[in-house]
N, C-alpha and C. Protein backbone atom coordinates (compact mmCIF):
# COMPACT_ATOMS: atom_id res chain seq x y z
N UNK A 1 -14.10 -2.55 5.94
CA UNK A 1 -14.53 -1.92 4.71
C UNK A 1 -13.57 -0.80 4.28
N UNK A 2 -13.23 0.08 5.23
CA UNK A 2 -12.30 1.17 4.89
C UNK A 2 -10.94 0.61 4.49
N UNK A 3 -10.55 -0.48 5.14
CA UNK A 3 -9.29 -1.13 4.78
C UNK A 3 -9.32 -1.57 3.33
N UNK A 4 -10.46 -2.08 2.90
CA UNK A 4 -10.61 -2.54 1.52
C UNK A 4 -10.35 -1.43 0.52
N UNK A 5 -10.90 -0.26 0.79
CA UNK A 5 -10.69 0.87 -0.12
C UNK A 5 -9.26 1.41 -0.03
N UNK A 6 -8.64 1.31 1.13
CA UNK A 6 -7.23 1.70 1.25
C UNK A 6 -6.37 0.77 0.40
N UNK A 7 -6.58 -0.55 0.55
CA UNK A 7 -5.82 -1.51 -0.26
C UNK A 7 -6.09 -1.32 -1.74
N UNK A 8 -7.34 -1.02 -2.09
CA UNK A 8 -7.69 -0.81 -3.49
C UNK A 8 -6.99 0.43 -4.05
N UNK A 9 -6.92 1.48 -3.26
CA UNK A 9 -6.21 2.70 -3.69
C UNK A 9 -4.74 2.41 -3.94
N UNK A 10 -4.14 1.63 -3.05
CA UNK A 10 -2.73 1.26 -3.24
C UNK A 10 -2.56 0.40 -4.49
N UNK A 11 -3.49 -0.53 -4.71
CA UNK A 11 -3.42 -1.38 -5.90
C UNK A 11 -3.50 -0.53 -7.17
N UNK A 12 -4.37 0.46 -7.17
CA UNK A 12 -4.51 1.33 -8.34
C UNK A 12 -3.24 2.15 -8.56
N UNK A 13 -2.70 2.72 -7.49
CA UNK A 13 -1.48 3.53 -7.63
C UNK A 13 -0.32 2.70 -8.17
N UNK A 14 -0.15 1.48 -7.64
CA UNK A 14 0.94 0.63 -8.12
C UNK A 14 0.70 0.17 -9.56
N UNK A 15 -0.56 -0.05 -9.92
CA UNK A 15 -0.86 -0.46 -11.30
C UNK A 15 -0.53 0.66 -12.28
N UNK A 16 -0.88 1.88 -11.94
CA UNK A 16 -0.57 3.02 -12.80
C UNK A 16 0.95 3.21 -12.87
N UNK A 17 1.63 3.09 -11.74
CA UNK A 17 3.09 3.17 -11.72
C UNK A 17 3.70 2.09 -12.61
N UNK A 18 3.24 0.85 -12.45
CA UNK A 18 3.76 -0.26 -13.24
C UNK A 18 3.53 -0.06 -14.73
N UNK A 19 2.35 0.40 -15.08
CA UNK A 19 2.04 0.63 -16.49
C UNK A 19 2.90 1.76 -17.06
N UNK A 20 3.13 2.77 -16.26
CA UNK A 20 4.00 3.87 -16.69
C UNK A 20 5.42 3.35 -16.94
N UNK A 21 5.89 2.51 -16.05
CA UNK A 21 7.21 1.91 -16.22
C UNK A 21 7.26 1.01 -17.46
N UNK A 22 6.14 0.36 -17.78
CA UNK A 22 6.09 -0.51 -18.96
C UNK A 22 6.44 0.27 -20.22
N UNK A 23 5.92 1.48 -20.32
CA UNK A 23 6.24 2.30 -21.49
C UNK A 23 7.73 2.61 -21.53
N UNK A 24 8.32 2.85 -20.37
CA UNK A 24 9.74 3.21 -20.31
C UNK A 24 10.68 2.03 -20.56
N UNK A 25 10.16 0.79 -20.49
CA UNK A 25 11.03 -0.37 -20.72
C UNK A 25 11.46 -0.49 -22.17
N UNK A 26 10.73 0.16 -23.08
CA UNK A 26 11.00 0.09 -24.52
C UNK A 26 11.18 -1.36 -24.96
N UNK A 27 10.11 -2.14 -24.72
CA UNK A 27 10.15 -3.54 -25.12
C UNK A 27 11.05 -4.38 -24.23
N UNK A 28 11.13 -4.01 -22.97
CA UNK A 28 11.98 -4.71 -21.99
C UNK A 28 13.46 -4.68 -22.36
N UNK A 29 13.87 -3.61 -23.02
CA UNK A 29 15.29 -3.44 -23.32
C UNK A 29 15.99 -2.57 -22.28
N UNK A 30 15.24 -1.86 -21.46
CA UNK A 30 15.80 -1.05 -20.37
C UNK A 30 15.56 -1.77 -19.05
N UNK A 31 16.61 -2.18 -18.39
CA UNK A 31 16.52 -3.03 -17.21
C UNK A 31 15.84 -2.35 -16.03
N UNK A 32 16.23 -1.13 -15.69
CA UNK A 32 15.70 -0.48 -14.48
C UNK A 32 14.19 -0.28 -14.59
N UNK A 33 13.67 0.32 -15.68
CA UNK A 33 12.22 0.42 -15.77
C UNK A 33 11.52 -0.94 -15.78
N UNK A 34 12.16 -1.96 -16.35
CA UNK A 34 11.58 -3.31 -16.35
C UNK A 34 11.45 -3.84 -14.92
N UNK A 35 12.47 -3.62 -14.11
CA UNK A 35 12.40 -4.03 -12.71
C UNK A 35 11.31 -3.27 -11.96
N UNK A 36 11.22 -1.96 -12.22
CA UNK A 36 10.16 -1.16 -11.59
C UNK A 36 8.77 -1.61 -12.06
N UNK A 37 8.66 -2.01 -13.31
CA UNK A 37 7.39 -2.54 -13.82
C UNK A 37 6.99 -3.78 -13.03
N UNK A 38 7.94 -4.70 -12.84
CA UNK A 38 7.66 -5.94 -12.11
C UNK A 38 7.26 -5.64 -10.66
N UNK A 39 7.98 -4.73 -10.04
CA UNK A 39 7.67 -4.34 -8.66
C UNK A 39 6.29 -3.69 -8.60
N UNK A 40 6.02 -2.79 -9.53
CA UNK A 40 4.74 -2.08 -9.54
C UNK A 40 3.56 -3.02 -9.75
N UNK A 41 3.66 -3.89 -10.74
CA UNK A 41 2.54 -4.79 -11.03
C UNK A 41 2.41 -5.87 -9.95
N UNK A 42 3.54 -6.35 -9.44
CA UNK A 42 3.48 -7.32 -8.35
C UNK A 42 2.80 -6.72 -7.13
N UNK A 43 3.16 -5.49 -6.80
CA UNK A 43 2.53 -4.80 -5.67
C UNK A 43 1.05 -4.55 -5.94
N UNK A 44 0.72 -4.18 -7.17
CA UNK A 44 -0.68 -3.93 -7.52
C UNK A 44 -1.52 -5.18 -7.29
N UNK A 45 -1.03 -6.33 -7.75
CA UNK A 45 -1.79 -7.56 -7.56
C UNK A 45 -1.82 -7.99 -6.09
N UNK A 46 -0.73 -7.74 -5.36
CA UNK A 46 -0.73 -8.04 -3.92
C UNK A 46 -1.84 -7.25 -3.22
N UNK A 47 -1.87 -5.93 -3.47
CA UNK A 47 -2.87 -5.10 -2.80
C UNK A 47 -4.29 -5.38 -3.31
N UNK A 48 -4.42 -5.76 -4.57
CA UNK A 48 -5.74 -6.16 -5.07
C UNK A 48 -6.21 -7.42 -4.34
N UNK A 49 -5.30 -8.34 -4.10
CA UNK A 49 -5.64 -9.55 -3.34
C UNK A 49 -6.07 -9.19 -1.92
N UNK A 50 -5.36 -8.26 -1.30
CA UNK A 50 -5.74 -7.82 0.05
C UNK A 50 -7.11 -7.14 0.04
N UNK A 51 -7.40 -6.42 -1.04
CA UNK A 51 -8.70 -5.76 -1.19
C UNK A 51 -9.82 -6.78 -1.17
N UNK A 52 -9.60 -7.92 -1.81
CA UNK A 52 -10.65 -8.92 -1.95
C UNK A 52 -11.04 -9.58 -0.63
N UNK A 53 -10.28 -9.33 0.42
CA UNK A 53 -10.69 -9.78 1.75
C UNK A 53 -11.82 -8.93 2.29
N UNK A 54 -12.00 -7.74 1.72
CA UNK A 54 -12.95 -6.77 2.27
C UNK A 54 -14.04 -6.34 1.30
N UNK A 55 -13.78 -6.44 0.02
CA UNK A 55 -14.74 -5.97 -0.99
C UNK A 55 -15.06 -7.10 -1.96
N UNK A 56 -16.26 -7.08 -2.54
CA UNK A 56 -16.61 -8.10 -3.54
C UNK A 56 -15.72 -7.99 -4.78
N UNK A 57 -15.43 -9.13 -5.39
CA UNK A 57 -14.57 -9.19 -6.57
C UNK A 57 -15.09 -8.29 -7.69
N UNK A 58 -16.38 -8.36 -7.98
CA UNK A 58 -16.92 -7.60 -9.10
C UNK A 58 -16.71 -6.09 -8.91
N UNK A 59 -16.93 -5.62 -7.71
CA UNK A 59 -16.75 -4.20 -7.42
C UNK A 59 -15.27 -3.82 -7.44
N UNK A 60 -14.45 -4.58 -6.73
CA UNK A 60 -13.03 -4.25 -6.62
C UNK A 60 -12.35 -4.25 -7.98
N UNK A 61 -12.60 -5.28 -8.78
CA UNK A 61 -11.94 -5.37 -10.07
C UNK A 61 -12.41 -4.27 -11.02
N UNK A 62 -13.70 -3.97 -10.99
CA UNK A 62 -14.22 -2.91 -11.86
C UNK A 62 -13.60 -1.56 -11.50
N UNK A 63 -13.50 -1.28 -10.22
CA UNK A 63 -12.89 -0.01 -9.80
C UNK A 63 -11.41 0.00 -10.16
N UNK A 64 -10.72 -1.09 -9.88
CA UNK A 64 -9.29 -1.17 -10.16
C UNK A 64 -9.01 -0.96 -11.65
N UNK A 65 -9.74 -1.68 -12.47
CA UNK A 65 -9.52 -1.58 -13.92
C UNK A 65 -9.96 -0.22 -14.46
N UNK A 66 -11.11 0.25 -14.03
CA UNK A 66 -11.64 1.52 -14.55
C UNK A 66 -10.81 2.72 -14.14
N UNK A 67 -10.55 2.85 -12.86
CA UNK A 67 -9.77 3.99 -12.37
C UNK A 67 -8.33 3.89 -12.86
N UNK A 68 -7.79 2.68 -12.88
CA UNK A 68 -6.43 2.51 -13.40
C UNK A 68 -6.32 2.92 -14.85
N UNK A 69 -7.32 2.54 -15.65
CA UNK A 69 -7.33 2.92 -17.06
C UNK A 69 -7.42 4.43 -17.22
N UNK A 70 -8.31 5.05 -16.46
CA UNK A 70 -8.49 6.50 -16.55
C UNK A 70 -7.22 7.24 -16.14
N UNK A 71 -6.63 6.84 -15.03
CA UNK A 71 -5.40 7.51 -14.56
C UNK A 71 -4.24 7.27 -15.52
N UNK A 72 -4.16 6.08 -16.08
CA UNK A 72 -3.10 5.79 -17.04
C UNK A 72 -3.26 6.66 -18.29
N UNK A 73 -4.48 6.89 -18.72
CA UNK A 73 -4.73 7.77 -19.86
C UNK A 73 -4.29 9.19 -19.54
N UNK A 74 -4.57 9.64 -18.33
CA UNK A 74 -4.14 10.99 -17.92
C UNK A 74 -2.62 11.07 -17.88
N UNK A 75 -1.96 10.05 -17.37
CA UNK A 75 -0.49 10.02 -17.35
C UNK A 75 0.05 10.10 -18.78
N UNK A 76 -0.56 9.38 -19.70
CA UNK A 76 -0.13 9.42 -21.09
C UNK A 76 -0.24 10.80 -21.70
N UNK A 77 -1.30 11.49 -21.37
CA UNK A 77 -1.50 12.85 -21.90
C UNK A 77 -0.50 13.82 -21.27
N UNK A 78 -0.32 13.71 -19.96
CA UNK A 78 0.54 14.66 -19.25
C UNK A 78 2.03 14.40 -19.52
N UNK A 79 2.47 13.15 -19.40
CA UNK A 79 3.90 12.86 -19.53
C UNK A 79 4.37 12.73 -20.97
N UNK A 80 3.56 12.10 -21.81
CA UNK A 80 4.01 11.82 -23.17
C UNK A 80 3.25 12.59 -24.24
N UNK A 81 2.48 13.57 -23.79
CA UNK A 81 1.77 14.46 -24.72
C UNK A 81 0.94 13.68 -25.76
N UNK A 82 0.33 12.57 -25.30
CA UNK A 82 -0.52 11.79 -26.19
C UNK A 82 -1.77 12.60 -26.52
N UNK A 83 -2.38 12.30 -27.65
CA UNK A 83 -3.57 13.03 -28.08
C UNK A 83 -4.69 12.89 -27.06
N UNK A 84 -5.41 13.99 -26.87
CA UNK A 84 -6.57 14.00 -25.99
C UNK A 84 -7.65 14.80 -26.68
N UNK A 85 -8.74 14.14 -26.99
CA UNK A 85 -9.81 14.78 -27.74
C UNK A 85 -11.09 14.79 -26.92
N UNK A 86 -12.12 15.37 -27.49
CA UNK A 86 -13.42 15.37 -26.85
C UNK A 86 -13.91 13.93 -26.66
N UNK A 87 -13.65 13.09 -27.64
CA UNK A 87 -14.04 11.68 -27.54
C UNK A 87 -13.26 10.98 -26.41
N UNK A 88 -11.99 11.33 -26.25
CA UNK A 88 -11.20 10.77 -25.14
C UNK A 88 -11.79 11.20 -23.80
N UNK A 89 -12.14 12.46 -23.69
CA UNK A 89 -12.73 12.98 -22.45
C UNK A 89 -14.06 12.28 -22.16
N UNK A 90 -14.86 12.08 -23.17
CA UNK A 90 -16.14 11.38 -23.00
C UNK A 90 -15.90 9.95 -22.52
N UNK A 91 -14.94 9.28 -23.12
CA UNK A 91 -14.62 7.92 -22.72
C UNK A 91 -14.20 7.84 -21.26
N UNK A 92 -13.34 8.77 -20.83
CA UNK A 92 -12.91 8.80 -19.43
C UNK A 92 -14.07 9.07 -18.49
N UNK A 93 -14.95 9.98 -18.90
CA UNK A 93 -16.12 10.27 -18.07
C UNK A 93 -17.03 9.04 -17.95
N UNK A 94 -17.18 8.29 -19.05
CA UNK A 94 -17.99 7.08 -19.00
C UNK A 94 -17.37 6.02 -18.08
N UNK A 95 -16.05 5.89 -18.13
CA UNK A 95 -15.37 4.94 -17.25
C UNK A 95 -15.59 5.33 -15.79
N UNK A 96 -15.35 6.59 -15.47
CA UNK A 96 -15.50 7.05 -14.10
C UNK A 96 -16.96 6.94 -13.65
N UNK A 97 -17.88 7.30 -14.53
CA UNK A 97 -19.30 7.17 -14.21
C UNK A 97 -19.69 5.73 -13.96
N UNK A 98 -19.17 4.82 -14.75
CA UNK A 98 -19.46 3.40 -14.55
C UNK A 98 -18.96 2.91 -13.21
N UNK A 99 -17.79 3.35 -12.82
CA UNK A 99 -17.23 2.96 -11.52
C UNK A 99 -18.10 3.50 -10.40
N UNK A 100 -18.56 4.74 -10.53
CA UNK A 100 -19.43 5.33 -9.51
C UNK A 100 -20.73 4.54 -9.40
N UNK A 101 -21.34 4.22 -10.54
CA UNK A 101 -22.58 3.44 -10.52
C UNK A 101 -22.38 2.07 -9.89
N UNK A 102 -21.28 1.41 -10.22
CA UNK A 102 -21.00 0.10 -9.62
C UNK A 102 -20.84 0.21 -8.11
N UNK A 103 -20.18 1.26 -7.68
CA UNK A 103 -19.96 1.46 -6.25
C UNK A 103 -21.29 1.65 -5.52
N UNK A 104 -22.18 2.43 -6.09
CA UNK A 104 -23.48 2.66 -5.46
C UNK A 104 -24.37 1.43 -5.52
N UNK A 105 -24.25 0.64 -6.57
CA UNK A 105 -25.14 -0.50 -6.74
C UNK A 105 -24.70 -1.72 -5.93
N UNK A 106 -23.50 -1.69 -5.38
CA UNK A 106 -22.98 -2.87 -4.70
C UNK A 106 -23.55 -3.05 -3.31
N UNK A 107 -24.31 -2.09 -2.82
CA UNK A 107 -24.79 -2.18 -1.45
C UNK A 107 -23.69 -1.85 -0.46
N UNK A 108 -22.62 -1.27 -0.96
CA UNK A 108 -21.48 -0.84 -0.15
C UNK A 108 -20.87 -1.96 0.67
N UNK A 109 -21.03 -3.20 0.22
CA UNK A 109 -20.38 -4.32 0.90
C UNK A 109 -20.69 -4.40 2.36
N UNK A 110 -21.95 -4.58 2.73
CA UNK A 110 -22.38 -4.57 4.12
C UNK A 110 -21.57 -5.52 5.00
N UNK A 111 -21.04 -6.57 4.42
CA UNK A 111 -20.21 -7.50 5.19
C UNK A 111 -18.93 -7.79 4.42
N UNK A 112 -17.90 -8.11 5.17
CA UNK A 112 -16.62 -8.43 4.54
C UNK A 112 -16.71 -9.73 3.76
N UNK A 113 -15.92 -9.82 2.72
CA UNK A 113 -15.86 -11.05 1.93
C UNK A 113 -15.43 -12.22 2.81
N UNK A 114 -14.52 -11.99 3.75
CA UNK A 114 -14.05 -13.06 4.64
C UNK A 114 -15.21 -13.59 5.48
N UNK A 115 -16.12 -12.71 5.92
CA UNK A 115 -17.28 -13.15 6.68
C UNK A 115 -18.17 -14.05 5.85
N UNK A 116 -18.41 -13.69 4.61
CA UNK A 116 -19.25 -14.51 3.72
C UNK A 116 -18.58 -15.86 3.46
N UNK A 117 -17.27 -15.83 3.25
CA UNK A 117 -16.55 -17.07 2.97
C UNK A 117 -16.58 -18.00 4.17
N UNK A 118 -16.39 -17.46 5.36
CA UNK A 118 -16.38 -18.32 6.54
C UNK A 118 -17.76 -18.93 6.78
N UNK A 119 -18.82 -18.21 6.50
CA UNK A 119 -20.18 -18.77 6.64
C UNK A 119 -20.43 -19.84 5.60
N UNK A 120 -19.86 -19.68 4.41
CA UNK A 120 -20.06 -20.67 3.33
C UNK A 120 -19.38 -21.99 3.68
N UNK A 121 -18.28 -21.93 4.40
CA UNK A 121 -17.53 -23.13 4.75
C UNK A 121 -18.26 -23.91 5.84
N UNK A 122 -18.87 -23.19 6.77
CA UNK A 122 -19.53 -23.83 7.92
C UNK A 122 -20.79 -24.54 7.52
């Protein structure tokens, strides 16, 4: 279970990194940021796949997408001085709140996904 959240954290960090690099590619006209984008997103999906061995898909994907979106918005505000309003703050709080609710409602993944899959095959 803890491994699942470690892999998920890595997937989120690489996704935010990849998305940040996407902005720097300027339409894939800058080679180095484009390569970093590919590495970042490839790593994000690799670690998301590793996460799914330990956490349910619905929980893992919701956390990955929600936290990744929130962190990417923060990166946009901090690095590129994008607009941040009260409505933006409310939206981020709703995303984070939704992720928290999903995490609590999942039953904390009492068993690994691999355990459920192996029982389904037998």
